[in-house]
Amino acid sequence: MSFCSCTDTKCPLNPVNHDKGCDLCIQKCLKDNEIPSCFFNKVNKNVEDKDYTFMGFAKHVQKNM
């Protein structure tokens, strides 16, 4: 996926590792009540604490906007 901003290419859910696009990553995040890293990267690619929860995303946005 040319637009995917996730840099974790070792992750089996990363679109570079299969032909299912973002679906697998999004399904995993929804199941785990997390936000995909691409949303964090849109705000600022320097994600310091790797807290991908909704609260972690809110903190990331507040810190970087």
N, C-alpha and C. Protein backbone atom coordinates (compact mmCIF):
# COMPACT_ATOMS: atom_id res chain seq x y z
N MET A 1 0.85 -1.17 0.00
CA MET A 1 0.00 0.00 0.00
C MET A 1 0.89 1.23 0.00
N SER A 2 0.85 1.98 -1.04
CA SER A 2 1.73 3.13 -1.16
C SER A 2 1.40 4.25 -0.18
N PHE A 3 0.18 4.31 0.33
CA PHE A 3 -0.18 5.39 1.25
C PHE A 3 0.01 5.01 2.71
N CYS A 4 0.31 3.77 3.00
CA CYS A 4 0.45 3.31 4.39
C CYS A 4 1.67 3.97 5.03
N SER A 5 1.45 4.62 6.17
CA SER A 5 2.55 5.31 6.85
C SER A 5 3.15 4.49 7.98
N CYS A 6 2.69 3.27 8.16
CA CYS A 6 3.24 2.41 9.21
C CYS A 6 4.66 1.98 8.84
N THR A 7 5.56 2.16 9.77
CA THR A 7 6.96 1.80 9.51
C THR A 7 7.32 0.42 10.06
N ASP A 8 6.38 -0.24 10.72
CA ASP A 8 6.64 -1.55 11.30
C ASP A 8 6.40 -2.64 10.25
N THR A 9 7.33 -2.76 9.32
CA THR A 9 7.16 -3.74 8.24
C THR A 9 7.38 -5.17 8.70
N LYS A 10 7.83 -5.37 9.93
CA LYS A 10 7.96 -6.72 10.48
C LYS A 10 6.61 -7.25 10.98
N CYS A 11 5.68 -6.35 11.19
CA CYS A 11 4.35 -6.74 11.65
C CYS A 11 3.65 -7.53 10.54
N PRO A 12 3.13 -8.71 10.84
CA PRO A 12 2.46 -9.50 9.80
C PRO A 12 1.18 -8.84 9.27
N LEU A 13 0.65 -7.85 9.99
CA LEU A 13 -0.57 -7.17 9.56
C LEU A 13 -0.28 -5.97 8.67
N ASN A 14 0.97 -5.58 8.55
CA ASN A 14 1.34 -4.46 7.70
C ASN A 14 0.99 -4.81 6.25
N PRO A 15 0.37 -3.90 5.52
CA PRO A 15 -0.05 -4.19 4.14
C PRO A 15 1.07 -4.63 3.20
N VAL A 16 2.32 -4.38 3.53
CA VAL A 16 3.40 -4.85 2.65
C VAL A 16 3.59 -6.37 2.75
N ASN A 17 2.97 -6.99 3.76
CA ASN A 17 3.18 -8.42 4.00
C ASN A 17 2.03 -9.31 3.54
N HIS A 18 1.02 -8.74 2.91
CA HIS A 18 -0.11 -9.53 2.41
C HIS A 18 -0.87 -8.71 1.37
N ASP A 19 -1.93 -9.27 0.83
CA ASP A 19 -2.68 -8.58 -0.22
C ASP A 19 -4.07 -8.14 0.24
N LYS A 20 -4.26 -7.93 1.55
CA LYS A 20 -5.58 -7.59 2.08
C LYS A 20 -5.68 -6.14 2.52
N GLY A 21 -4.72 -5.31 2.11
CA GLY A 21 -4.77 -3.89 2.44
C GLY A 21 -4.70 -3.64 3.94
N CYS A 22 -5.46 -2.68 4.39
CA CYS A 22 -5.44 -2.26 5.80
C CYS A 22 -6.39 -3.07 6.67
N ASP A 23 -7.22 -3.90 6.07
CA ASP A 23 -8.27 -4.61 6.81
C ASP A 23 -7.76 -5.36 8.03
N LEU A 24 -6.69 -6.12 7.89
CA LEU A 24 -6.21 -6.95 9.01
C LEU A 24 -5.76 -6.09 10.18
N CYS A 25 -5.07 -5.01 9.89
CA CYS A 25 -4.60 -4.10 10.94
C CYS A 25 -5.79 -3.44 11.64
N ILE A 26 -6.73 -2.96 10.87
CA ILE A 26 -7.89 -2.30 11.45
C ILE A 26 -8.72 -3.27 12.28
N GLN A 27 -8.91 -4.48 11.79
CA GLN A 27 -9.66 -5.49 12.56
C GLN A 27 -8.99 -5.76 13.90
N LYS A 28 -7.67 -5.89 13.91
CA LYS A 28 -6.92 -6.13 15.14
C LYS A 28 -7.07 -4.96 16.09
N CYS A 29 -6.94 -3.75 15.56
CA CYS A 29 -7.06 -2.56 16.40
C CYS A 29 -8.46 -2.43 16.99
N LEU A 30 -9.49 -2.67 16.20
CA LEU A 30 -10.85 -2.60 16.71
C LEU A 30 -11.07 -3.63 17.82
N LYS A 31 -10.56 -4.82 17.62
CA LYS A 31 -10.69 -5.89 18.62
C LYS A 31 -10.00 -5.50 19.93
N ASP A 32 -8.85 -4.84 19.83
CA ASP A 32 -8.05 -4.49 21.01
C ASP A 32 -8.33 -3.07 21.52
N ASN A 33 -9.37 -2.41 20.98
CA ASN A 33 -9.70 -1.03 21.36
C ASN A 33 -8.50 -0.10 21.21
N GLU A 34 -7.87 -0.17 20.05
CA GLU A 34 -6.70 0.64 19.74
C GLU A 34 -6.95 1.46 18.48
N ILE A 35 -6.07 2.43 18.26
CA ILE A 35 -6.08 3.27 17.06
C ILE A 35 -4.90 2.82 16.20
N PRO A 36 -5.09 2.61 14.90
CA PRO A 36 -3.96 2.23 14.03
C PRO A 36 -2.85 3.28 14.03
N SER A 37 -1.64 2.84 13.88
CA SER A 37 -0.49 3.75 13.94
C SER A 37 -0.53 4.82 12.86
N CYS A 38 -1.21 4.56 11.75
CA CYS A 38 -1.28 5.57 10.68
C CYS A 38 -1.97 6.84 11.16
N PHE A 39 -2.91 6.72 12.10
CA PHE A 39 -3.56 7.92 12.64
C PHE A 39 -2.57 8.72 13.47
N PHE A 40 -1.76 8.02 14.27
CA PHE A 40 -0.71 8.69 15.05
C PHE A 40 0.28 9.37 14.12
N ASN A 41 0.68 8.67 13.07
CA ASN A 41 1.66 9.21 12.12
C ASN A 41 1.13 10.43 11.39
N LYS A 42 -0.18 10.51 11.18
CA LYS A 42 -0.76 11.68 10.53
C LYS A 42 -0.57 12.92 11.41
N VAL A 43 -0.67 12.74 12.72
CA VAL A 43 -0.50 13.85 13.66
C VAL A 43 0.98 14.21 13.78
N ASN A 44 1.80 13.19 14.04
CA ASN A 44 3.25 13.37 14.19
C ASN A 44 3.88 11.99 14.16
N LYS A 45 4.83 11.77 13.28
CA LYS A 45 5.43 10.44 13.14
C LYS A 45 6.30 10.04 14.31
N ASN A 46 6.60 10.96 15.21
CA ASN A 46 7.41 10.64 16.39
C ASN A 46 6.49 10.22 17.53
N VAL A 47 6.11 8.95 17.54
CA VAL A 47 5.27 8.41 18.61
C VAL A 47 6.20 7.91 19.70
N GLU A 48 6.17 8.61 20.84
CA GLU A 48 7.15 8.34 21.88
C GLU A 48 6.83 7.12 22.75
N ASP A 49 5.60 7.00 23.23
CA ASP A 49 5.33 5.96 24.22
C ASP A 49 4.62 4.72 23.68
N LYS A 50 4.30 4.70 22.41
CA LYS A 50 3.69 3.53 21.77
C LYS A 50 2.41 3.08 22.47
N ASP A 51 1.66 4.02 23.05
CA ASP A 51 0.37 3.72 23.68
C ASP A 51 -0.71 3.95 22.62
N TYR A 52 -1.16 2.88 21.98
CA TYR A 52 -2.08 2.98 20.87
C TYR A 52 -3.55 2.93 21.29
N THR A 53 -3.82 3.11 22.59
CA THR A 53 -5.19 3.15 23.08
C THR A 53 -5.84 4.47 22.66
N PHE A 54 -7.13 4.58 22.86
CA PHE A 54 -7.84 5.82 22.55
C PHE A 54 -7.27 6.97 23.40
N MET A 55 -7.01 6.71 24.67
CA MET A 55 -6.44 7.74 25.54
C MET A 55 -5.04 8.11 25.09
N GLY A 56 -4.26 7.13 24.68
CA GLY A 56 -2.92 7.40 24.16
C GLY A 56 -2.97 8.28 22.93
N PHE A 57 -3.96 8.03 22.07
CA PHE A 57 -4.11 8.86 20.88
C PHE A 57 -4.51 10.28 21.25
N ALA A 58 -5.44 10.40 22.20
CA ALA A 58 -5.87 11.74 22.64
C ALA A 58 -4.67 12.52 23.20
N LYS A 59 -3.84 11.87 23.98
CA LYS A 59 -2.65 12.53 24.54
C LYS A 59 -1.69 12.92 23.42
N HIS A 60 -1.53 12.04 22.45
CA HIS A 60 -0.63 12.31 21.31
C HIS A 60 -1.12 13.54 20.54
N VAL A 61 -2.42 13.62 20.32
CA VAL A 61 -2.99 14.76 19.60
C VAL A 61 -2.79 16.04 20.41
N GLN A 62 -3.11 15.99 21.69
CA GLN A 62 -2.96 17.19 22.53
C GLN A 62 -1.51 17.67 22.56
N LYS A 63 -0.58 16.75 22.62
CA LYS A 63 0.83 17.11 22.69
C LYS A 63 1.35 17.69 21.38
N ASN A 64 0.79 17.28 20.27
CA ASN A 64 1.35 17.61 18.96
C ASN A 64 0.50 18.56 18.11
N MET A 65 -0.56 19.09 18.64
CA MET A 65 -1.40 20.01 17.84
C MET A 65 -1.30 21.42 18.37
